[in-house]
C-alpha atoms as a PDB file:
ATOM      1  CA  MET A   1      50.043  -1.541 -28.798  1.00  0.00           C
ATOM      2  CA  ALA A   2      53.811  -1.312 -28.441  1.00  0.00           C
ATOM      3  CA  GLU A   3      55.381  -2.482 -25.193  1.00  0.00           C
ATOM      4  CA  VAL A   4      54.553  -0.015 -22.437  1.00  0.00           C
ATOM      5  CA  ASN A   5      57.313   0.646 -19.911  1.00  0.00           C
ATOM      6  CA  SER A   6      55.523   3.326 -17.874  1.00  0.00           C
ATOM      7  CA  VAL A   7      51.981   4.003 -16.776  1.00  0.00           C
ATOM      8  CA  ILE A   8      50.352   7.051 -15.274  1.00  0.00           C
ATOM      9  CA  MET A   9      47.793   6.124 -12.631  1.00  0.00           C
ATOM     10  CA  GLU A  10      45.096   8.470 -11.403  1.00  0.00           C
ATOM     11  CA  ILE A  11      43.129   7.790  -8.223  1.00  0.00           C
ATOM     12  CA  ARG A  12      40.148  10.012  -7.399  1.00  0.00           C
ATOM     13  CA  ALA A  13      37.810   9.981  -4.409  1.00  0.00           C
ATOM     14  CA  GLY A  14      34.287   8.994  -5.468  1.00  0.00           C
ATOM     15  CA  THR A  15      31.106   8.834  -3.408  1.00  0.00           C
ATOM     16  CA  GLY A  16      31.502   8.978   0.347  1.00  0.00           C
ATOM     17  CA  GLY A  17      32.981  12.380   1.197  1.00  0.00           C
ATOM     18  CA  GLN A  18      35.973  12.337   3.545  1.00  0.00           C
ATOM     19  CA  GLU A  19      35.894   8.543   3.821  1.00  0.00           C
ATOM     20  CA  ALA A  20      36.195   8.252   0.031  1.00  0.00           C
ATOM     21  CA  ALA A  21      39.257  10.511   0.134  1.00  0.00           C
ATOM     22  CA  LEU A  22      40.793   8.374   2.898  1.00  0.00           C
ATOM     23  CA  PHE A  23      40.123   5.257   0.804  1.00  0.00           C
ATOM     24  CA  ALA A  24      41.770   6.909  -2.225  1.00  0.00           C
ATOM     25  CA  GLY A  25      44.816   7.453  -0.004  1.00  0.00           C
ATOM     26  CA  ASP A  26      44.744   3.804   1.071  1.00  0.00           C
ATOM     27  CA  LEU A  27      44.665   2.665  -2.559  1.00  0.00           C
ATOM     28  CA  PHE A  28      47.580   4.942  -3.411  1.00  0.00           C
ATOM     29  CA  ARG A  29      49.654   3.511  -0.547  1.00  0.00           C
ATOM     30  CA  MET A  30      48.682  -0.032  -1.574  1.00  0.00           C
ATOM     31  CA  TYR A  31      49.915   0.499  -5.127  1.00  0.00           C
ATOM     32  CA  SER A  32      53.004   2.356  -3.927  1.00  0.00           C
ATOM     33  CA  LYS A  33      53.970  -0.517  -1.627  1.00  0.00           C
ATOM     34  CA  PHE A  34      53.273  -3.037  -4.395  1.00  0.00           C
ATOM     35  CA  ALA A  35      55.526  -1.030  -6.719  1.00  0.00           C
ATOM     36  CA  THR A  36      58.288  -1.036  -4.091  1.00  0.00           C
ATOM     37  CA  LEU A  37      57.993  -4.817  -3.708  1.00  0.00           C
ATOM     38  CA  GLN A  38      58.203  -5.156  -7.505  1.00  0.00           C
ATOM     39  CA  GLY A  39      61.288  -2.940  -7.698  1.00  0.00           C
ATOM     40  CA  TRP A  40      59.504  -0.403  -9.920  1.00  0.00           C
ATOM     41  CA  LYS A  41      60.358   3.276 -10.146  1.00  0.00           C
ATOM     42  CA  GLN A  42      57.610   5.576  -8.950  1.00  0.00           C
ATOM     43  CA  ARG A  43      56.998   9.297  -8.642  1.00  0.00           C
ATOM     44  CA  VAL A  44      54.015  11.471  -7.774  1.00  0.00           C
ATOM     45  CA  LEU A  45      53.042  13.886 -10.557  1.00  0.00           C
ATOM     46  CA  ASP A  46      50.161  15.702  -8.842  1.00  0.00           C
ATOM     47  CA  SER A  47      48.091  15.410  -5.680  1.00  0.00           C
ATOM     48  CA  HIS A  48      45.299  17.200  -3.850  1.00  0.00           C
ATOM     49  CA  LEU A  49      45.006  16.325  -0.166  1.00  0.00           C
ATOM     50  CA  SER A  50      41.767  16.219   1.810  1.00  0.00           C
ATOM     51  CA  GLU A  51      41.337  17.785   5.241  1.00  0.00           C
ATOM     52  CA  LEU A  52      41.745  14.427   7.051  1.00  0.00           C
ATOM     53  CA  GLY A  53      44.881  13.330   5.211  1.00  0.00           C
ATOM     54  CA  GLY A  54      43.366  11.403   2.314  1.00  0.00           C
ATOM     55  CA  PHE A  55      43.464  12.370  -1.347  1.00  0.00           C
ATOM     56  CA  LYS A  56      40.801  14.063  -3.400  1.00  0.00           C
ATOM     57  CA  GLU A  57      43.034  13.098  -6.319  1.00  0.00           C
ATOM     58  CA  VAL A  58      46.556  11.705  -6.745  1.00  0.00           C
ATOM     59  CA  VAL A  59      48.379  11.124 -10.029  1.00  0.00           C
ATOM     60  CA  PHE A  60      51.578   9.084 -10.121  1.00  0.00           C
ATOM     61  CA  GLU A  61      53.879   7.308 -12.560  1.00  0.00           C
ATOM     62  CA  LEU A  62      55.112   3.720 -12.317  1.00  0.00           C
ATOM     63  CA  SER A  63      57.957   2.506 -14.536  1.00  0.00           C
ATOM     64  CA  ASN A  64      59.226  -0.972 -15.411  1.00  0.00           C
ATOM     65  CA  SER A  65      59.068  -3.314 -18.384  1.00  0.00           C
ATOM     66  CA  ASP A  66      56.118  -5.325 -17.008  1.00  0.00           C
ATOM     67  CA  VAL A  67      54.214  -2.504 -15.312  1.00  0.00           C
ATOM     68  CA  PHE A  68      51.343  -2.199 -17.808  1.00  0.00           C
ATOM     69  CA  ALA A  69      50.783  -5.955 -18.036  1.00  0.00           C
ATOM     70  CA  LYS A  70      50.325  -6.090 -14.261  1.00  0.00           C
ATOM     71  CA  MET A  71      48.439  -2.847 -13.653  1.00  0.00           C
ATOM     72  CA  LYS A  72      46.043  -2.517 -16.591  1.00  0.00           C
ATOM     73  CA  TYR A  73      43.242  -4.476 -14.902  1.00  0.00           C
ATOM     74  CA  GLU A  74      43.222  -2.114 -11.897  1.00  0.00           C
ATOM     75  CA  ALA A  75      41.268   0.499 -13.867  1.00  0.00           C
ATOM     76  CA  GLY A  76      37.694   0.985 -12.702  1.00  0.00           C
ATOM     77  CA  VAL A  77      35.630   1.759  -9.621  1.00  0.00           C
ATOM     78  CA  HIS A  78      36.898   0.352  -6.317  1.00  0.00           C
ATOM     79  CA  ARG A  79      34.476   0.119  -3.382  1.00  0.00           C
ATOM     80  CA  VAL A  80      35.232  -0.059   0.331  1.00  0.00           C
ATOM     81  CA  GLN A  81      32.932  -1.226   3.123  1.00  0.00           C
ATOM     82  CA  ARG A  82      34.121  -0.418   6.637  1.00  0.00           C
ATOM     83  CA  ILE A  83      33.477   1.636   9.760  1.00  0.00           C
ATOM     84  CA  PRO A  84      35.112   5.022   9.058  1.00  0.00           C
ATOM     85  CA  LYS A  85      37.325   6.709  11.629  1.00  0.00           C
ATOM     86  CA  THR A  86      34.871   9.588  11.480  1.00  0.00           C
ATOM     87  CA  GLU A  87      31.895   7.339  12.375  1.00  0.00           C
ATOM     88  CA  LYS A  88      31.012   7.410  16.082  1.00  0.00           C
ATOM     89  CA  SER A  89      28.007   5.057  16.026  1.00  0.00           C
ATOM     90  CA  GLY A  90      29.945   2.135  14.557  1.00  0.00           C
ATOM     91  CA  ARG A  91      27.935   1.896  11.343  1.00  0.00           C
ATOM     92  CA  ILE A  92      29.524   0.397   8.240  1.00  0.00           C
ATOM     93  CA  HIS A  93      29.791   2.860   5.370  1.00  0.00           C
ATOM     94  CA  THR A  94      30.261   2.227   1.669  1.00  0.00           C
ATOM     95  CA  SER A  95      32.511   4.573  -0.299  1.00  0.00           C
ATOM     96  CA  THR A  96      34.199   4.474  -3.681  1.00  0.00           C
ATOM     97  CA  ALA A  97      37.286   5.656  -5.509  1.00  0.00           C
ATOM     98  CA  THR A  98      38.074   5.495  -9.212  1.00  0.00           C
ATOM     99  CA  VAL A  99      41.368   4.268 -10.643  1.00  0.00           C
ATOM    100  CA  ALA A 100      42.594   5.087 -14.154  1.00  0.00           C
ATOM    101  CA  VAL A 101      45.639   3.382 -15.689  1.00  0.00           C
ATOM    102  CA  LEU A 102      47.022   5.293 -18.669  1.00  0.00           C
ATOM    103  CA  PRO A 103      49.966   4.061 -20.734  1.00  0.00           C
ATOM    104  CA  LYS A 104      52.612   6.770 -20.824  1.00  0.00           C
ATOM    105  CA  PRO A 105      53.200   7.497 -24.516  1.00  0.00           C
ATOM    106  CA  GLU A 106      56.577   7.711 -26.159  1.00  0.00           C
ATOM    107  CA  SER A 107      57.381  11.170 -27.508  1.00  0.00           C
ATOM    108  CA  THR A 108      56.935   9.864 -31.062  1.00  0.00           C
ATOM    109  CA  GLU A 109      53.389   8.597 -30.377  1.00  0.00           C
ATOM    110  CA  ILE A 110      51.676  11.950 -30.008  1.00  0.00           C
ATOM    111  CA  LYS A 111      51.811  15.342 -31.608  1.00  0.00           C
ATOM    112  CA  ILE A 112      50.931  18.200 -29.280  1.00  0.00           C
ATOM    113  CA  ARG A 113      52.048  21.554 -30.595  1.00  0.00           C
ATOM    114  CA  PRO A 114      53.282  24.184 -28.136  1.00  0.00           C
ATOM    115  CA  ASP A 115      51.012  26.819 -29.693  1.00  0.00           C
ATOM    116  CA  GLU A 116      48.004  24.634 -28.752  1.00  0.00           C
ATOM    117  CA  LEU A 117      48.775  24.970 -25.036  1.00  0.00           C
ATOM    118  CA  ARG A 118      47.836  27.623 -22.498  1.00  0.00           C
ATOM    119  CA  ILE A 119      50.121  27.428 -19.474  1.00  0.00           C
ATOM    120  CA  ASP A 120      49.208  29.166 -16.205  1.00  0.00           C
ATOM    121  CA  PHE A 121      51.251  29.322 -13.013  1.00  0.00           C
ATOM    122  CA  TYR A 122      49.689  29.729  -9.574  1.00  0.00           C
ATOM    123  CA  CYS A 123      50.346  29.147  -5.880  1.00  0.00           C
ATOM    124  CA  ALA A 124      50.117  25.533  -4.694  1.00  0.00           C
ATOM    125  CA  SER A 125      47.305  24.896  -2.213  1.00  0.00           C
ATOM    126  CA  GLY A 126      46.778  22.402   0.579  1.00  0.00           C
ATOM    127  CA  PRO A 127      43.719  20.910   2.316  1.00  0.00           C
ATOM    128  CA  GLY A 128      40.870  23.391   2.578  1.00  0.00           C
ATOM    129  CA  GLY A 129      42.336  25.480  -0.224  1.00  0.00           C
ATOM    130  CA  GLN A 130      44.853  27.390   1.871  1.00  0.00           C
ATOM    131  CA  TYR A 131      48.008  28.362   0.030  1.00  0.00           C
ATOM    132  CA  VAL A 132      51.053  26.364   1.071  1.00  0.00           C
ATOM    133  CA  ASN A 133      53.524  28.170  -1.161  1.00  0.00           C
ATOM    134  CA  LYS A 134      53.740  31.908  -1.752  1.00  0.00           C
ATOM    135  CA  ARG A 135      55.652  31.396  -5.008  1.00  0.00           C
ATOM    136  CA  LYS A 136      53.736  30.470  -8.143  1.00  0.00           C
ATOM    137  CA  THR A 137      55.186  27.000  -8.627  1.00  0.00           C
ATOM    138  CA  ALA A 138      51.986  25.095  -9.447  1.00  0.00           C
ATOM    139  CA  VAL A 139      51.186  24.628 -13.133  1.00  0.00           C
ATOM    140  CA  ARG A 140      47.926  24.339 -15.051  1.00  0.00           C
ATOM    141  CA  ILE A 141      48.062  23.385 -18.729  1.00  0.00           C
ATOM    142  CA  THR A 142      45.061  23.602 -21.053  1.00  0.00           C
ATOM    143  CA  HIS A 143      45.115  21.849 -24.427  1.00  0.00           C
ATOM    144  CA  LEU A 144      43.029  24.322 -26.407  1.00  0.00           C
ATOM    145  CA  PRO A 145      41.814  22.039 -29.257  1.00  0.00           C
ATOM    146  CA  THR A 146      40.392  19.368 -26.912  1.00  0.00           C
ATOM    147  CA  GLY A 147      39.781  21.337 -23.699  1.00  0.00           C
ATOM    148  CA  LEU A 148      41.872  18.876 -21.663  1.00  0.00           C
ATOM    149  CA  VAL A 149      43.130  20.520 -18.456  1.00  0.00           C
ATOM    150  CA  VAL A 150      45.907  19.102 -16.256  1.00  0.00           C
ATOM    151  CA  THR A 151      47.693  20.419 -13.172  1.00  0.00           C
ATOM    152  CA  SER A 152      50.780  19.661 -11.128  1.00  0.00           C
ATOM    153  CA  GLN A 153      51.788  21.175  -7.803  1.00  0.00           C
ATOM    154  CA  THR A 154      53.858  18.520  -6.031  1.00  0.00           C
ATOM    155  CA  GLU A 155      57.311  19.929  -6.788  1.00  0.00           C
ATOM    156  CA  ARG A 156      58.878  23.136  -5.488  1.00  0.00           C
ATOM    157  CA  ASN A 157      59.821  24.522  -8.890  1.00  0.00           C
ATOM    158  CA  GLN A 158      57.852  25.489 -11.979  1.00  0.00           C
ATOM    159  CA  LEU A 159      59.940  23.534 -14.460  1.00  0.00           C
ATOM    160  CA  GLN A 160      59.467  20.140 -12.794  1.00  0.00           C
ATOM    161  CA  ASN A 161      55.760  20.751 -12.278  1.00  0.00           C
ATOM    162  CA  LYS A 162      55.473  21.757 -15.933  1.00  0.00           C
ATOM    163  CA  GLU A 163      57.195  18.516 -17.007  1.00  0.00           C
ATOM    164  CA  ASN A 164      54.884  16.507 -14.747  1.00  0.00           C
ATOM    165  CA  ALA A 165      51.802  18.239 -16.144  1.00  0.00           C
ATOM    166  CA  LEU A 166      52.953  17.659 -19.731  1.00  0.00           C
ATOM    167  CA  ALA A 167      53.415  13.940 -18.964  1.00  0.00           C
ATOM    168  CA  ILE A 168      49.849  13.739 -17.587  1.00  0.00           C
ATOM    169  CA  LEU A 169      48.512  15.667 -20.590  1.00  0.00           C
ATOM    170  CA  ALA A 170      50.266  13.357 -23.061  1.00  0.00           C
ATOM    171  CA  ALA A 171      48.808  10.254 -21.390  1.00  0.00           C
ATOM    172  CA  ARG A 172      45.280  11.692 -21.258  1.00  0.00           C
ATOM    173  CA  PHE A 173      45.525  12.883 -24.858  1.00  0.00           C
ATOM    174  CA  LEU A 174      46.582   9.403 -25.993  1.00  0.00           C
ATOM    175  CA  GLU A 175      43.763   7.817 -23.979  1.00  0.00           C
ATOM    176  CA  LYS A 176      41.231  10.226 -25.487  1.00  0.00           C
ATOM    177  CA  THR A 177      42.471   9.392 -28.980  1.00  0.00           C
ATOM    178  CA  ARG A 178      42.262   5.647 -28.306  1.00  0.00           C
ATOM    179  CA  LYS A 179      38.738   5.914 -26.902  1.00  0.00           C
ATOM    180  CA  GLU A 180      37.654   7.774 -30.016  1.00  0.00           C
ATOM    181  CA  GLU A 181      39.196   5.023 -32.151  1.00  0.00           C
ATOM    182  CA  ILE A 182      37.506   2.299 -30.073  1.00  0.00           C
ATOM    183  CA  ALA A 183      34.147   4.069 -30.453  1.00  0.00           C
ATOM    184  CA  LYS A 184      34.460   3.672 -34.222  1.00  0.00           C
ATOM    185  CA  MET A 185      35.184  -0.067 -34.037  1.00  0.00           C
ATOM    186  CA  GLY A 186      32.790  -2.978 -34.325  1.00  0.00           C
ATOM    187  CA  GLY A 187      31.324  -4.635 -31.251  1.00  0.00           C
ATOM    188  CA  GLU A 188      33.563  -7.719 -31.152  1.00  0.00           C
ATOM    189  CA  ARG A 189      36.797  -5.776 -31.399  1.00  0.00           C
ATOM    190  CA  LYS A 190      35.496  -3.227 -28.894  1.00  0.00           C
ATOM    191  CA  ALA A 191      34.754  -6.016 -26.396  1.00  0.00           C
ATOM    192  CA  GLN A 192      38.277  -7.402 -26.721  1.00  0.00           C
ATOM    193  CA  ILE A 193      39.807  -4.147 -25.504  1.00  0.00           C
ATOM    194  CA  GLY A 194      36.998  -3.168 -23.182  1.00  0.00           C
ATOM    195  CA  TRP A 195      39.365  -2.999 -20.192  1.00  0.00           C
ATOM    196  CA  ALA A 196      40.425   0.436 -21.400  1.00  0.00           C
ATOM    197  CA  MET A 197      36.882   1.745 -21.126  1.00  0.00           C
ATOM    198  CA  ARG A 198      35.931   0.361 -17.730  1.00  0.00           C
ATOM    199  CA  ALA A 199      33.790   2.593 -15.561  1.00  0.00           C
ATOM    200  CA  GLU A 200      31.915  -0.054 -13.562  1.00  0.00           C
ATOM    201  CA  LYS A 201      32.596  -1.359 -10.075  1.00  0.00           C
ATOM    202  CA  ILE A 202      35.400  -3.894 -10.347  1.00  0.00           C
ATOM    203  CA  ARG A 203      36.358  -4.662  -6.742  1.00  0.00           C
ATOM    204  CA  THR A 204      35.066  -4.459  -3.175  1.00  0.00           C
ATOM    205  CA  TYR A 205      37.263  -4.210  -0.069  1.00  0.00           C
ATOM    206  CA  ASN A 206      35.126  -5.482   2.830  1.00  0.00           C
ATOM    207  CA  PHE A 207      36.998  -4.794   6.074  1.00  0.00           C
ATOM    208  CA  PRO A 208      34.508  -6.329   8.583  1.00  0.00           C
ATOM    209  CA  GLN A 209      34.652  -9.622   6.647  1.00  0.00           C
ATOM    210  CA  ASP A 210      38.418  -9.366   5.974  1.00  0.00           C
ATOM    211  CA  ARG A 211      37.719  -9.945   2.274  1.00  0.00           C
ATOM    212  CA  VAL A 212      38.590  -8.465  -1.115  1.00  0.00           C
ATOM    213  CA  THR A 213      36.321  -9.492  -4.001  1.00  0.00           C
ATOM    214  CA  ASP A 214      36.943  -8.898  -7.694  1.00  0.00           C
ATOM    215  CA  HIS A 215      33.537  -8.796  -9.373  1.00  0.00           C
ATOM    216  CA  ARG A 216      34.783  -9.425 -12.918  1.00  0.00           C
ATOM    217  CA  ILE A 217      35.979 -12.935 -12.120  1.00  0.00           C
ATOM    218  CA  LYS A 218      33.759 -13.465  -9.039  1.00  0.00           C
ATOM    219  CA  LYS A 219      36.664 -14.425  -6.811  1.00  0.00           C
ATOM    220  CA  SER A 220      37.525 -13.388  -3.244  1.00  0.00           C
ATOM    221  CA  TRP A 221      40.739 -13.262  -1.230  1.00  0.00           C
ATOM    222  CA  TYR A 222      41.101 -12.990   2.539  1.00  0.00           C
ATOM    223  CA  GLY A 223      43.672 -11.121   4.617  1.00  0.00           C
ATOM    224  CA  ILE A 224      42.728  -7.584   3.675  1.00  0.00           C
ATOM    225  CA  GLU A 225      45.442  -5.870   5.744  1.00  0.00           C
ATOM    226  CA  SER A 226      48.117  -7.845   3.904  1.00  0.00           C
ATOM    227  CA  ILE A 227      46.567  -6.927   0.551  1.00  0.00           C
ATOM    228  CA  MET A 228      46.361  -3.241   1.499  1.00  0.00           C
ATOM    229  CA  SER A 229      50.058  -3.392   2.442  1.00  0.00           C
ATOM    230  CA  GLY A 230      50.935  -4.140  -1.173  1.00  0.00           C
ATOM    231  CA  LYS A 231      50.640  -7.939  -1.350  1.00  0.00           C
ATOM    232  CA  LEU A 232      48.727  -7.897  -4.643  1.00  0.00           C
ATOM    233  CA  ASP A 233      50.558 -10.693  -6.467  1.00  0.00           C
ATOM    234  CA  LYS A 234      47.830 -13.322  -6.082  1.00  0.00           C
ATOM    235  CA  ILE A 235      45.091 -10.971  -7.247  1.00  0.00           C
ATOM    236  CA  ILE A 236      47.031  -9.638 -10.227  1.00  0.00           C
ATOM    237  CA  SER A 237      48.282 -13.039 -11.407  1.00  0.00           C
ATOM    238  CA  THR A 238      44.738 -14.457 -11.204  1.00  0.00           C
ATOM    239  CA  LEU A 239      43.376 -11.512 -13.217  1.00  0.00           C
ATOM    240  CA  GLN A 240      46.082 -11.985 -15.851  1.00  0.00           C
ATOM    241  CA  LYS A 241      45.162 -15.662 -16.246  1.00  0.00           C
ATOM    242  CA  SER A 242      41.404 -15.080 -16.208  1.00  0.00           C
ATOM    243  CA  LEU A 243      41.152 -11.924 -18.320  1.00  0.00           C
ATOM    244  CA  GLY A 244      44.118 -12.558 -20.608  1.00  0.00           C
END
């Protein structure tokens, strides 16, 4: 793979209802603060808020020469164990969120023809589905040959949302193509690039025990509040050394 200077990250709430959405929001803020500490450029491409201020889904772009090398091992299922703000009896809940890390392709890497796209405009919505904008600025793009559907509603104008949606579509299209290529490969080669296919639980954030554990390398770090505030250097550097 050529050097990747930008990635598109997608965080989605998993099991756990509102608490999962709050955790997805915490992960987004963690990565955003880490990106700020790294001096990376970042921008939100699409987001869908939950009623309590978390995210059902948030898609954002990070840009810098070393961004993919540092972020590629974040893909997978992240699990949180804590007492939710919504829990009155003080019981610890377990919730999950999924993280996808997609290399942003160069324009020469993919061929998506305009006549293969259906583009719809609609009113942006907020938590609970209520419309937050009376103008049709939100964009939904469907890639007809593959059925891939992407949206963007974060900006106030159609053109920027359309550009954001096209960027998401390009990254997902490239990922789909790569997965199809990997599926055709032999087992040894497939294992070498298995990080791209991860769907299993990779990390647990245990708040009562002040501990973050990465299950792939069976290592834990303490000081969870510091980690959630973007101090990910130790975790990422250890993953780079251990997973190569």
